[in-house]
Protein backbone atom coordinates (compact mmCIF):
# COMPACT_ATOMS: atom_id res chain seq x y z
CA MET A 1 -22.90 -90.12 68.01
CA LEU A 2 -24.99 -89.93 64.87
CA THR A 3 -24.43 -89.66 61.13
CA ALA A 4 -26.31 -87.49 58.67
CA LYS A 5 -26.30 -86.86 54.94
CA VAL A 6 -26.67 -83.13 54.41
CA CYS A 7 -26.86 -81.56 50.93
CA VAL A 8 -26.59 -77.95 49.80
CA ARG A 9 -27.16 -76.37 46.42
CA TYR A 10 -24.27 -73.91 46.21
CA GLU A 11 -26.04 -71.25 44.17
CA GLY A 12 -23.99 -69.66 41.38
CA ASP A 13 -21.32 -72.37 41.54
CA TRP A 14 -20.60 -74.78 38.70
CA THR A 15 -21.79 -77.64 40.89
CA ALA A 16 -25.31 -76.18 40.93
CA LYS A 17 -25.26 -75.51 37.17
CA LEU A 18 -24.65 -79.20 36.50
CA ALA A 19 -28.14 -80.01 37.83
CA ALA A 20 -29.46 -79.45 34.29
CA HIS A 21 -27.20 -82.17 32.86
CA ASP A 22 -27.89 -85.34 34.88
CA VAL A 23 -24.41 -85.46 36.40
CA PHE A 24 -23.25 -87.56 39.33
CA GLY A 25 -19.83 -86.94 40.82
CA GLU A 26 -17.49 -87.57 43.73
CA PHE A 27 -14.67 -85.36 44.94
CA ILE A 28 -12.00 -88.02 45.39
CA ALA A 29 -9.32 -85.73 46.81
CA SER A 30 -8.92 -82.00 47.35
CA THR A 31 -6.77 -79.50 49.16
CA PHE A 32 -6.85 -75.76 49.85
CA ARG A 33 -3.88 -73.47 50.30
CA ASP A 34 -3.50 -69.70 50.03
CA ARG A 35 -6.89 -69.33 48.35
CA ARG A 36 -5.95 -72.00 45.82
CA TYR A 37 -7.94 -75.15 45.21
CA VAL A 38 -6.61 -78.40 43.78
CA GLY A 39 -8.84 -81.43 43.42
CA ILE A 40 -9.51 -84.72 41.68
CA MET A 41 -13.10 -85.51 40.82
CA ALA A 42 -14.91 -88.51 39.33
CA VAL A 43 -17.82 -87.51 37.08
CA GLU A 44 -20.48 -89.55 35.29
CA CYS A 45 -22.76 -88.01 32.65
CA ASN A 46 -24.63 -88.80 29.44
CA ALA A 47 -22.29 -89.50 26.53
CA ASP A 48 -23.77 -86.71 24.40
CA GLU A 49 -23.25 -84.14 27.17
CA VAL A 50 -19.55 -84.64 27.86
CA ASP A 51 -18.45 -81.45 26.07
CA THR A 52 -21.21 -79.41 27.72
CA VAL A 53 -20.35 -80.68 31.19
CA LEU A 54 -16.64 -79.95 30.71
CA ASP A 55 -17.50 -76.46 29.45
CA VAL A 56 -19.71 -75.73 32.48
CA ILE A 57 -16.90 -76.73 34.84
CA GLY A 58 -13.94 -75.29 32.92
CA SER A 59 -15.54 -71.92 32.14
CA HIS A 60 -16.47 -71.18 35.76
CA ARG A 61 -14.77 -68.19 37.30
CA PHE A 62 -13.13 -70.28 40.06
CA ILE A 63 -11.56 -72.84 37.70
CA ASP A 64 -8.20 -72.03 36.10
CA GLU A 65 -7.26 -75.51 34.87
CA LEU A 66 -9.31 -78.54 33.92
CA GLU A 67 -7.73 -81.76 32.67
CA VAL A 68 -9.44 -85.03 31.79
CA VAL A 69 -7.16 -87.66 33.34
CA GLU A 70 -9.18 -90.66 32.09
CA GLU A 71 -12.44 -91.32 30.29
CA PHE A 72 -14.38 -94.55 29.68
CA GLU A 73 -17.88 -95.90 29.04
CA ALA A 74 -19.94 -96.53 32.17
CA ASP A 75 -21.68 -99.91 32.11
CA GLY A 76 -22.83 -99.64 28.48
CA ARG A 77 -25.67 -97.23 29.36
CA ASP A 78 -24.66 -94.41 27.02
CA ARG A 79 -22.97 -92.85 30.04
CA ILE A 80 -19.37 -91.70 30.29
CA SER A 81 -17.20 -91.74 33.42
CA MET A 82 -14.33 -89.29 33.70
CA THR A 83 -11.65 -88.50 36.23
CA LEU A 84 -10.92 -84.77 36.27
CA PHE A 85 -8.04 -82.74 37.66
CA LEU A 86 -9.19 -79.30 38.80
CA GLU A 87 -7.21 -76.27 39.88
CA GLY A 88 -8.41 -72.77 40.58
CA GLY A 89 -8.45 -69.67 42.74
CA LEU A 90 -11.08 -69.01 45.40
CA THR A 91 -12.50 -65.64 46.37
CA GLU A 92 -14.76 -67.08 49.08
CA PHE A 93 -15.03 -70.12 51.31
CA THR A 94 -16.65 -73.25 49.89
CA PRO A 95 -19.17 -75.36 51.86
CA LEU A 96 -16.51 -78.00 52.50
CA GLN A 97 -13.97 -75.45 53.72
CA THR A 98 -16.55 -73.95 56.05
CA LEU A 99 -17.45 -77.33 57.55
CA LEU A 100 -13.78 -78.22 58.08
CA TYR A 101 -12.92 -74.80 59.53
CA GLU A 102 -15.78 -75.09 62.04
CA GLY A 103 -14.59 -78.53 63.15
CA PHE A 104 -17.13 -80.79 61.46
CA LEU A 105 -16.03 -84.24 60.31
CA PRO A 106 -17.11 -85.36 56.82
CA ILE A 107 -16.94 -89.14 56.28
CA GLY A 108 -15.90 -90.29 52.83
CA PRO A 109 -15.90 -88.21 49.65
CA THR A 110 -18.15 -85.23 48.99
CA LYS A 111 -20.76 -86.25 46.41
CA LEU A 112 -22.38 -84.22 43.67
CA GLU A 113 -26.04 -85.20 43.16
CA ASN A 114 -28.57 -83.21 41.13
CA GLY A 115 -26.51 -80.06 41.45
CA ARG A 116 -26.13 -80.45 45.22
CA GLU A 117 -22.97 -81.02 47.22
CA CYS A 118 -23.69 -83.80 49.71
CA PHE A 119 -21.73 -84.52 52.88
CA ASP A 120 -21.90 -87.51 55.20
CA LEU A 121 -21.14 -86.01 58.61
CA LEU A 122 -20.24 -87.64 61.92
CA LEU A 123 -21.90 -85.61 64.67
CA HIS A 124 -22.21 -85.69 68.45
CA ASP A 125 -25.92 -84.86 68.57
CA ARG A 126 -28.80 -83.11 66.85
CA ASP A 127 -27.69 -79.71 68.14
CA GLU A 128 -24.44 -80.10 66.22
CA LEU A 129 -26.44 -81.16 63.17
CA SER A 130 -28.50 -77.98 63.44
CA LYS A 131 -25.30 -75.92 63.52
CA ALA A 132 -24.01 -77.67 60.39
CA ILE A 133 -27.27 -76.97 58.56
CA GLU A 134 -27.16 -73.35 59.67
CA LEU A 135 -23.64 -72.96 58.28
CA LEU A 136 -24.55 -74.51 54.93
CA GLU A 137 -27.67 -72.36 54.59
CA GLU A 138 -25.31 -69.43 53.96
CA PHE A 139 -24.58 -71.01 50.56
CA GLY A 140 -28.09 -72.00 49.46
CA ASN A 141 -30.95 -74.40 50.00
CA VAL A 142 -30.10 -77.24 52.42
CA THR A 143 -31.78 -80.64 52.58
CA LEU A 144 -31.35 -83.39 55.15
CA ASP A 145 -31.42 -86.64 53.15
CA ARG A 146 -30.61 -89.13 55.90
CA ILE A 147 -29.99 -89.31 59.63
CA SER A 148 -28.93 -92.27 61.74
CA GLU A 149 -28.82 -92.32 65.51
CA GLU A 150 -26.11 -94.99 65.50
CA PHE A 151 -22.74 -94.70 63.83
CA ARG A 152 -21.71 -97.75 61.82
CA ARG A 153 -18.65 -97.82 59.63
CA GLU A 154 -19.10 -98.91 56.05
CA VAL A 155 -17.81 -102.40 55.47
CA VAL A 156 -16.61 -101.97 51.91
CA PRO A 157 -13.32 -102.51 50.06
CA SER A 158 -11.03 -99.53 49.72
CA ARG A 159 -10.57 -97.76 46.39
CA ALA A 160 -7.07 -99.23 46.25
CA GLY A 161 -8.50 -102.71 46.80
CA TRP A 162 -11.04 -102.30 44.01
CA GLN A 163 -8.39 -100.94 41.65
CA ALA A 164 -6.07 -103.85 42.40
CA LEU A 165 -8.87 -106.35 41.70
CA LEU A 166 -9.98 -104.70 38.47
CA ALA A 167 -6.43 -104.41 37.18
CA SER A 168 -5.73 -108.07 37.94
CA ILE A 169 -8.43 -109.54 35.67
CA PRO A 170 -6.81 -110.48 32.33
CA PRO A 171 -8.50 -109.21 29.13
CA ARG A 172 -9.51 -112.69 27.90
CA ARG A 173 -11.07 -113.57 31.26
CA ARG A 174 -12.95 -110.26 31.26
CA GLU A 175 -14.15 -110.95 27.71
CA VAL A 176 -15.59 -114.32 28.75
CA LEU A 177 -17.31 -112.76 31.77
CA ASN A 178 -18.90 -110.01 29.67
CA LEU A 179 -20.17 -112.44 27.06
CA ALA A 180 -21.52 -114.82 29.71
CA LEU A 181 -23.44 -112.00 31.39
CA GLU A 182 -24.78 -110.61 28.10
CA GLU A 183 -25.92 -114.01 26.83
CA GLY A 184 -27.64 -115.00 30.08
CA TYR A 185 -25.24 -117.68 31.31
CA PHE A 186 -25.79 -116.58 34.92
CA GLU A 187 -29.59 -116.51 34.63
CA ILE A 188 -31.81 -119.17 36.24
CA PRO A 189 -32.43 -121.14 34.13
CA ARG A 190 -29.40 -120.47 31.94
CA GLN A 191 -30.16 -118.95 28.56
CA VAL A 192 -26.95 -120.16 26.95
CA THR A 193 -24.71 -123.17 27.44
CA LEU A 194 -21.00 -123.14 28.13
CA GLU A 195 -20.42 -124.86 24.81
CA GLU A 196 -22.34 -122.12 22.96
CA LEU A 197 -20.26 -119.44 24.70
CA ALA A 198 -17.08 -121.25 23.72
CA ASP A 199 -18.20 -121.55 20.09
CA GLU A 200 -19.02 -117.84 19.91
CA MET A 201 -15.54 -116.97 21.20
CA GLY A 202 -13.77 -119.55 19.07
CA ILE A 203 -12.27 -121.42 22.02
CA THR A 204 -12.77 -124.87 23.52
CA LYS A 205 -15.40 -125.59 26.14
CA THR A 206 -12.64 -126.48 28.60
CA THR A 207 -10.88 -123.14 28.03
CA ALA A 208 -14.12 -121.21 28.49
CA SER A 209 -14.85 -123.12 31.70
CA THR A 210 -11.36 -122.42 33.03
CA HIS A 211 -11.67 -118.68 32.36
CA LEU A 212 -15.07 -118.50 34.08
CA ARG A 213 -14.06 -120.56 37.11
CA LYS A 214 -10.89 -118.52 37.64
CA ALA A 215 -12.81 -115.25 37.29
CA GLU A 216 -15.52 -116.42 39.69
CA ARG A 217 -12.93 -117.55 42.23
CA GLN A 218 -11.06 -114.26 41.92
CA LEU A 219 -14.22 -112.25 42.57
CA VAL A 220 -15.50 -114.44 45.40
CA GLU A 221 -12.14 -114.50 47.19
CA PHE A 222 -12.08 -110.70 47.08
CA LEU A 223 -15.69 -110.10 48.18
CA LEU A 224 -16.34 -112.91 50.67
CA PRO A 225 -14.28 -111.45 53.56
CA TYR A 226 -16.31 -108.21 53.32
CA ILE A 227 -19.59 -110.15 53.13
CA ASN A 228 -18.61 -112.06 56.30
CA LEU A 229 -17.50 -108.88 58.04
CA ALA A 230 -20.75 -107.08 57.16
CA ALA A 231 -22.73 -110.04 58.57
CA GLU A 232 -20.72 -109.91 61.81
CA GLU A 233 -21.33 -106.16 62.08
CA GLY A 234 -25.07 -106.74 61.82
CA GLU A 235 -25.21 -109.46 64.45
CA PRO A 236 -26.50 -108.44 67.93
């Protein structure tokens, strides 16, 4: 078995048009029935291009409904992350439909990178890879970004696991973590003391220490099992 990352620029589709707007996306879930498409997509773009990106997607001939489910700043980089609900009618097969219909097995979500739809495929051999590329070439230019001769599952937390962790961090604890990172508390050597962090937040040094230690423990307890598992996977 082997895995390969294969990308296609689906010419004329809204996915290809987004190449001009520095958009990254993932199709989190999708389904097809009776020439109808329903999907949920995560999109990240520049903050000043949100309206343009939504217009490119929503005005496409295949899209009948576009709803922004959630929107938030992405890591303070003047980028916006959105979760979109999409619904529309299809007059032709999409690259994903074609791969599924022909029996290919995508692993994980379809990604949108530089106007290309990218698929991680699990394949029996290079002949099957050639067939997949041939199928996708019907839609546009195809590039092979990565190929691995050995299949290895990704040792990462599930989306549900990440969501549970993120939702479990109290606002005050998150505030202390953000300030500590911004002020250089985790740098070596430290650029700010715990007492200075506490003074800036108007809390005691003991309270600041408690928030940080609980947050650190919460994060380490969540991540350490996956770190150990990944190490075991890499051992001969």
